[in-house]
Amino acid sequence: MVTSTENPQQSRQDKNRVALISVMAAVLLTVTKLAVGLATGSLGILSEAAHSGLDLIAAVITLFAVRISSAPPDDQHTYGHGKVENLSAMVETGLLLLTCIWIIYEAIQRLFFKSVEVEASGWAFGIMVLSIVVDFNRSRALSKAARKYKSQALEADALHFSTDIWSSAVVILGLLLVRLSDYLNIPAIAQADAIAALVVAGIVVFVSLQLGRRTIAGLMDEIPVGLRDEIVDAVEQVGGVKRVNHVRVRWSGADAYVDLEITASKELSFEESHEISDKAEIAVQNTIPDAEISVHVEPA
């Protein structure tokens, strides 16, 4: 949830702009990597092209998810549409794992069953350097927007593209070893391209599993360890609160919702109970800023 000083319309425009730039960058990288990969025969670059192709699909999904999640609550979606961001991250996880299956299969084929000549040309190195530059800039932009607007979809994309930098670096290393094998006339070193592709797949699998874990946690309304106890401790410090009975916390996209039931003396007036309720809300706000809080006071 954006702060009260942030224009909601402006925040939606900023999130959409960052997501759209990510889509355009994915188009550029997918087309150029595919062209260079086919021209050079490099599995490392082709695997990166396939990876960027799914990045493009994921970026488009994220763009639509960000737009839908910005819609206000309605009669059918009383907590808003923020869960769409979790669903988009789940789809992105599945796409990434499918990419890994193809990369691993093709790498094993080249290592043990067939021979493919790889041309470590200047174009091959150039496209991977371009990929690192583009991924660095869009990852930084996505991460900045994710922190500012607490967007899980943009945060997932930022994490994804930051790992693309490392995978591109691995492909460059593989191409360097291929070039070295040409100079030293050691064919075995040329297999480094396929090995680099396996390393890329390993990186993508690791990131996918981490992203999937966080997505499932969001869909299951899992909260950080210790957050509930932190809320209880803060509310119990409020004068007049005898006991905290129930605490329920959930996120819908960037928006946090807290349901709180506390016990106070039955001898308190309505105004005094309301004052205690307001102080309890402030205590929760100090723990989860900008949360939408509902407090129910039970008489002791």
Protein backbone atom coordinates (compact mmCIF):
# COMPACT_ATOMS: atom_id res chain seq x y z
CA MET A 1 0.00 0.00 0.00
CA VAL A 2 1.41 3.38 -0.89
CA THR A 3 1.76 6.02 1.73
CA SER A 4 -0.88 8.65 2.16
CA THR A 5 1.39 11.26 0.54
CA GLU A 6 1.76 9.21 -2.65
CA ASN A 7 -0.63 9.84 -5.50
CA PRO A 8 -2.25 6.43 -6.25
CA GLN A 9 -2.63 7.32 -9.93
CA GLN A 10 1.04 8.29 -10.14
CA SER A 11 2.13 5.09 -8.41
CA ARG A 12 0.14 2.98 -10.89
CA GLN A 13 1.69 4.85 -13.80
CA ASP A 14 5.21 4.40 -12.41
CA LYS A 15 4.71 0.65 -11.86
CA ASN A 16 3.23 0.21 -15.33
CA ARG A 17 6.06 2.20 -16.90
CA VAL A 18 8.76 0.10 -15.25
CA ALA A 19 6.98 -3.13 -16.21
CA LEU A 20 6.56 -1.94 -19.81
CA ILE A 21 10.26 -1.06 -20.10
CA SER A 22 11.06 -4.57 -18.85
CA VAL A 23 8.90 -6.03 -21.65
CA MET A 24 10.67 -3.94 -24.28
CA ALA A 25 14.09 -4.99 -22.95
CA ALA A 26 13.02 -8.65 -23.05
CA VAL A 27 11.99 -8.30 -26.70
CA LEU A 28 15.37 -6.80 -27.59
CA LEU A 29 17.38 -9.48 -25.82
CA THR A 30 15.29 -12.41 -27.07
CA VAL A 31 15.58 -11.43 -30.73
CA THR A 32 19.29 -10.62 -30.64
CA LYS A 33 20.28 -13.70 -28.60
CA LEU A 34 18.30 -15.99 -30.87
CA ALA A 35 19.89 -14.52 -34.00
CA VAL A 36 23.44 -14.72 -32.63
CA GLY A 37 22.86 -18.17 -31.10
CA LEU A 38 21.66 -19.61 -34.42
CA ALA A 39 24.53 -17.97 -36.28
CA THR A 40 27.24 -19.25 -33.93
CA GLY A 41 25.70 -22.56 -32.87
CA SER A 42 26.36 -21.75 -29.20
CA LEU A 43 24.09 -23.71 -26.87
CA GLY A 44 24.95 -21.28 -24.11
CA ILE A 45 23.56 -18.37 -26.13
CA LEU A 46 20.59 -20.40 -27.41
CA SER A 47 19.78 -21.37 -23.83
CA GLU A 48 19.97 -17.71 -22.93
CA ALA A 49 17.68 -16.90 -25.89
CA ALA A 50 15.13 -19.43 -24.63
CA HIS A 51 15.53 -18.01 -21.16
CA SER A 52 14.97 -14.47 -22.48
CA GLY A 53 11.94 -15.69 -24.45
CA LEU A 54 10.32 -16.88 -21.26
CA ASP A 55 11.50 -13.69 -19.59
CA LEU A 56 9.44 -11.89 -22.22
CA ILE A 57 6.35 -13.96 -21.41
CA ALA A 58 6.93 -13.44 -17.69
CA ALA A 59 7.43 -9.69 -18.18
CA VAL A 60 4.15 -9.45 -20.12
CA ILE A 61 2.36 -11.40 -17.39
CA THR A 62 3.88 -9.10 -14.77
CA LEU A 63 2.74 -6.04 -16.73
CA PHE A 64 -0.86 -7.25 -16.75
CA ALA A 65 -0.62 -8.39 -13.12
CA VAL A 66 0.58 -4.96 -12.00
CA ARG A 67 -2.28 -3.29 -13.86
CA ILE A 68 -4.93 -5.65 -12.47
CA SER A 69 -3.58 -5.54 -8.91
CA SER A 70 -3.93 -1.75 -8.89
CA ALA A 71 -7.70 -2.03 -9.23
CA PRO A 72 -9.56 -1.06 -6.02
CA PRO A 73 -11.57 -3.59 -3.98
CA ASP A 74 -15.05 -4.42 -5.23
CA ASP A 75 -18.03 -6.49 -4.11
CA GLN A 76 -16.40 -9.77 -5.26
CA HIS A 77 -12.83 -8.93 -4.20
CA THR A 78 -13.15 -7.23 -0.84
CA TYR A 79 -9.39 -7.44 -0.16
CA GLY A 80 -8.52 -5.99 -3.56
CA HIS A 81 -6.79 -7.71 -6.49
CA GLY A 82 -3.26 -7.94 -5.09
CA LYS A 83 -3.14 -11.76 -5.18
CA VAL A 84 -2.87 -11.49 -8.97
CA GLU A 85 0.79 -10.63 -8.41
CA ASN A 86 1.31 -13.93 -6.59
CA LEU A 87 -0.37 -15.82 -9.41
CA SER A 88 1.85 -14.14 -12.00
CA ALA A 89 4.92 -15.15 -10.01
CA MET A 90 3.65 -18.74 -9.90
CA VAL A 91 3.25 -18.79 -13.69
CA GLU A 92 6.74 -17.32 -14.08
CA THR A 93 8.15 -20.09 -11.89
CA GLY A 94 6.58 -22.78 -14.09
CA LEU A 95 7.91 -21.16 -17.27
CA LEU A 96 11.43 -20.98 -15.88
CA LEU A 97 11.42 -24.64 -14.86
CA LEU A 98 10.26 -25.65 -18.34
CA THR A 99 13.18 -23.72 -19.79
CA CYS A 100 15.58 -25.59 -17.54
CA ILE A 101 14.28 -28.97 -18.72
CA TRP A 102 15.09 -28.12 -22.35
CA ILE A 103 18.50 -26.63 -21.50
CA ILE A 104 19.57 -29.66 -19.45
CA TYR A 105 18.37 -32.11 -22.11
CA GLU A 106 20.20 -30.33 -24.93
CA ALA A 107 23.38 -29.92 -22.88
CA ILE A 108 23.48 -33.65 -22.08
CA GLN A 109 22.94 -34.44 -25.76
CA ARG A 110 25.92 -32.28 -26.74
CA LEU A 111 28.15 -33.59 -23.98
CA PHE A 112 27.59 -37.31 -24.61
CA PHE A 113 25.65 -38.04 -27.79
CA LYS A 114 26.27 -35.49 -30.52
CA SER A 115 28.83 -32.94 -31.64
CA VAL A 116 27.97 -29.34 -32.55
CA GLU A 117 30.58 -26.83 -33.64
CA VAL A 118 30.40 -23.58 -31.70
CA GLU A 119 31.69 -20.32 -33.16
CA ALA A 120 32.90 -18.03 -30.38
CA SER A 121 32.70 -14.89 -32.51
CA GLY A 122 32.76 -11.27 -31.55
CA TRP A 123 29.00 -11.14 -32.08
CA ALA A 124 28.56 -13.86 -29.47
CA PHE A 125 30.55 -11.94 -26.89
CA GLY A 126 28.89 -8.67 -27.85
CA ILE A 127 25.33 -9.91 -27.33
CA MET A 128 26.18 -11.35 -23.91
CA VAL A 129 27.79 -8.08 -22.80
CA LEU A 130 24.71 -6.22 -24.07
CA SER A 131 22.55 -8.66 -22.11
CA ILE A 132 24.45 -7.94 -18.88
CA VAL A 133 24.13 -4.17 -19.35
CA VAL A 134 20.38 -4.34 -20.11
CA ASP A 135 19.65 -6.79 -17.27
CA PHE A 136 21.61 -4.69 -14.78
CA ASN A 137 19.68 -1.53 -15.61
CA ARG A 138 16.21 -3.09 -15.69
CA SER A 139 16.88 -5.12 -12.53
CA ARG A 140 17.88 -1.94 -10.71
CA ALA A 141 14.80 -0.08 -11.97
CA LEU A 142 12.46 -2.94 -11.03
CA SER A 143 14.03 -3.32 -7.59
CA LYS A 144 13.68 0.40 -6.90
CA ALA A 145 10.01 0.39 -7.91
CA ALA A 146 9.36 -2.82 -5.94
CA ARG A 147 10.75 -1.29 -2.74
CA LYS A 148 8.91 1.98 -3.26
CA TYR A 149 5.50 0.42 -3.94
CA LYS A 150 5.95 -2.91 -2.12
CA SER A 151 5.12 -4.82 -5.29
CA GLN A 152 5.80 -8.56 -5.11
CA ALA A 153 5.47 -8.96 -8.87
CA LEU A 154 8.10 -6.31 -9.60
CA GLU A 155 10.30 -7.67 -6.83
CA ALA A 156 10.16 -11.15 -8.40
CA ASP A 157 11.13 -9.74 -11.78
CA ALA A 158 14.01 -7.78 -10.23
CA LEU A 159 15.36 -10.90 -8.55
CA HIS A 160 14.96 -12.88 -11.75
CA PHE A 161 16.83 -10.43 -13.93
CA SER A 162 19.61 -9.94 -11.39
CA THR A 163 20.40 -13.66 -11.70
CA ASP A 164 20.38 -13.31 -15.49
CA ILE A 165 23.53 -11.20 -15.10
CA TRP A 166 25.35 -14.13 -13.52
CA SER A 167 24.06 -16.62 -16.07
CA SER A 168 25.23 -14.36 -18.91
CA ALA A 169 28.64 -14.13 -17.29
CA VAL A 170 28.79 -17.94 -17.19
CA VAL A 171 28.00 -18.11 -20.92
CA ILE A 172 30.81 -15.62 -21.63
CA LEU A 173 33.17 -17.85 -19.66
CA GLY A 174 32.08 -20.83 -21.76
CA LEU A 175 32.72 -18.91 -24.98
CA LEU A 176 36.16 -17.87 -23.76
CA LEU A 177 37.03 -21.51 -23.10
CA VAL A 178 35.79 -22.44 -26.59
CA ARG A 179 38.08 -19.76 -28.06
CA LEU A 180 40.93 -21.11 -25.91
CA SER A 181 40.36 -24.62 -27.23
CA ASP A 182 40.81 -23.31 -30.79
CA TYR A 183 44.19 -21.79 -29.93
CA LEU A 184 45.45 -24.77 -27.90
CA ASN A 185 43.84 -27.37 -30.17
CA ILE A 186 42.22 -29.14 -27.21
CA PRO A 187 38.71 -30.20 -28.36
CA ALA A 188 37.63 -31.19 -24.87
CA ILE A 189 37.68 -27.57 -23.75
CA ALA A 190 35.06 -26.79 -26.41
CA GLN A 191 32.52 -28.71 -24.35
CA ALA A 192 32.67 -25.86 -21.86
CA ASP A 193 29.80 -24.22 -23.76
CA ALA A 194 27.46 -27.09 -22.90
CA ILE A 195 28.76 -27.15 -19.34
CA ALA A 196 28.10 -23.40 -19.10
CA ALA A 197 24.53 -24.08 -20.26
CA LEU A 198 24.12 -26.58 -17.42
CA VAL A 199 25.36 -23.99 -14.95
CA VAL A 200 22.82 -21.52 -16.37
CA ALA A 201 20.09 -24.10 -15.88
CA GLY A 202 21.24 -24.69 -12.31
CA ILE A 203 21.08 -20.98 -11.54
CA VAL A 204 17.60 -20.70 -13.04
CA VAL A 205 16.35 -23.76 -11.11
CA PHE A 206 17.62 -22.30 -7.84
CA VAL A 207 15.96 -18.93 -8.47
CA SER A 208 12.75 -20.61 -9.62
CA LEU A 209 12.48 -22.70 -6.46
CA GLN A 210 13.08 -19.64 -4.28
CA LEU A 211 10.48 -17.66 -6.22
CA GLY A 212 8.01 -20.56 -6.07
CA ARG A 213 8.48 -20.86 -2.32
CA ARG A 214 7.71 -17.18 -1.81
CA THR A 215 4.74 -17.33 -4.17
CA ILE A 216 3.17 -20.24 -2.32
CA ALA A 217 3.79 -18.45 0.98
CA GLY A 218 1.94 -15.41 -0.36
CA LEU A 219 -1.00 -17.44 -1.63
CA MET A 220 -1.21 -19.26 1.72
CA ASP A 221 -1.14 -15.94 3.63
CA GLU A 222 2.09 -16.92 5.37
CA ILE A 223 3.63 -14.12 7.42
CA PRO A 224 7.27 -13.62 8.47
CA VAL A 225 8.42 -15.64 11.47
CA GLY A 226 8.03 -13.62 14.66
CA LEU A 227 5.74 -10.95 13.18
CA ARG A 228 2.68 -12.12 15.12
CA ASP A 229 4.61 -12.10 18.42
CA GLU A 230 5.94 -8.65 17.60
CA ILE A 231 2.41 -7.35 17.09
CA VAL A 232 1.18 -8.98 20.31
CA ASP A 233 4.06 -7.52 22.33
CA ALA A 234 3.43 -4.03 20.90
CA VAL A 235 -0.32 -4.11 21.59
CA GLU A 236 0.07 -5.50 25.10
CA GLN A 237 2.12 -2.41 25.96
CA VAL A 238 -0.95 -0.24 25.33
CA GLY A 239 -2.52 0.96 28.56
CA GLY A 240 -5.88 -0.70 29.26
CA VAL A 241 -5.24 -3.79 27.15
CA LYS A 242 -5.49 -6.84 29.37
CA ARG A 243 -4.90 -9.50 26.75
CA VAL A 244 -4.52 -9.98 22.99
CA ASN A 245 -6.89 -12.78 21.99
CA HIS A 246 -6.45 -13.11 18.24
CA VAL A 247 -4.17 -11.69 15.57
CA ARG A 248 -4.70 -12.33 11.87
CA VAL A 249 -2.45 -10.83 9.21
CA ARG A 250 -2.63 -11.19 5.44
CA TRP A 251 -1.25 -9.40 2.39
CA SER A 252 -3.07 -8.72 -0.84
CA GLY A 253 -0.31 -7.57 -3.14
CA ALA A 254 1.33 -4.61 -1.41
CA ASP A 255 -1.60 -4.03 0.98
CA ALA A 256 -1.51 -5.49 4.49
CA TYR A 257 -4.66 -6.28 6.48
CA VAL A 258 -4.65 -6.93 10.25
CA ASP A 259 -7.59 -8.23 12.30
CA LEU A 260 -7.05 -7.83 16.03
CA GLU A 261 -9.16 -8.87 19.03
CA ILE A 262 -8.19 -7.53 22.46
CA THR A 263 -9.65 -7.72 25.95
CA ALA A 264 -10.20 -4.66 28.13
CA SER A 265 -12.03 -3.96 31.36
CA LYS A 266 -15.82 -4.17 31.10
CA GLU A 267 -16.05 -1.11 33.33
CA LEU A 268 -14.64 1.15 30.65
CA SER A 269 -16.95 3.56 28.86
CA PHE A 270 -17.50 3.37 25.11
CA GLU A 271 -15.23 6.38 24.58
CA GLU A 272 -12.45 4.82 26.67
CA SER A 273 -12.69 1.53 24.80
CA HIS A 274 -12.53 3.41 21.52
CA GLU A 275 -9.42 5.27 22.70
CA ILE A 276 -7.73 1.98 23.58
CA SER A 277 -8.67 0.64 20.16
CA ASP A 278 -7.08 3.68 18.48
CA LYS A 279 -3.87 3.21 20.49
CA ALA A 280 -3.78 -0.47 19.55
CA GLU A 281 -4.04 0.51 15.88
CA ILE A 282 -1.11 2.88 16.27
CA ALA A 283 0.94 0.11 17.90
CA VAL A 284 0.25 -2.17 14.94
CA GLN A 285 1.00 0.65 12.49
CA ASN A 286 4.44 0.99 14.06
CA THR A 287 5.05 -2.67 13.22
CA ILE A 288 3.37 -2.79 9.78
CA PRO A 289 3.21 0.74 8.35
CA ASP A 290 0.18 1.61 6.20
CA ALA A 291 -1.67 -1.58 7.18
CA GLU A 292 -5.46 -1.56 7.21
CA ILE A 293 -6.34 -2.54 10.77
CA SER A 294 -9.58 -3.74 12.34
CA VAL A 295 -9.67 -3.88 16.17
CA HIS A 296 -12.43 -5.60 18.17
CA VAL A 297 -12.55 -4.97 21.92
CA GLU A 298 -14.00 -7.65 24.21
CA PRO A 299 -14.98 -6.87 27.82
CA ALA A 300 -12.97 -8.75 30.47
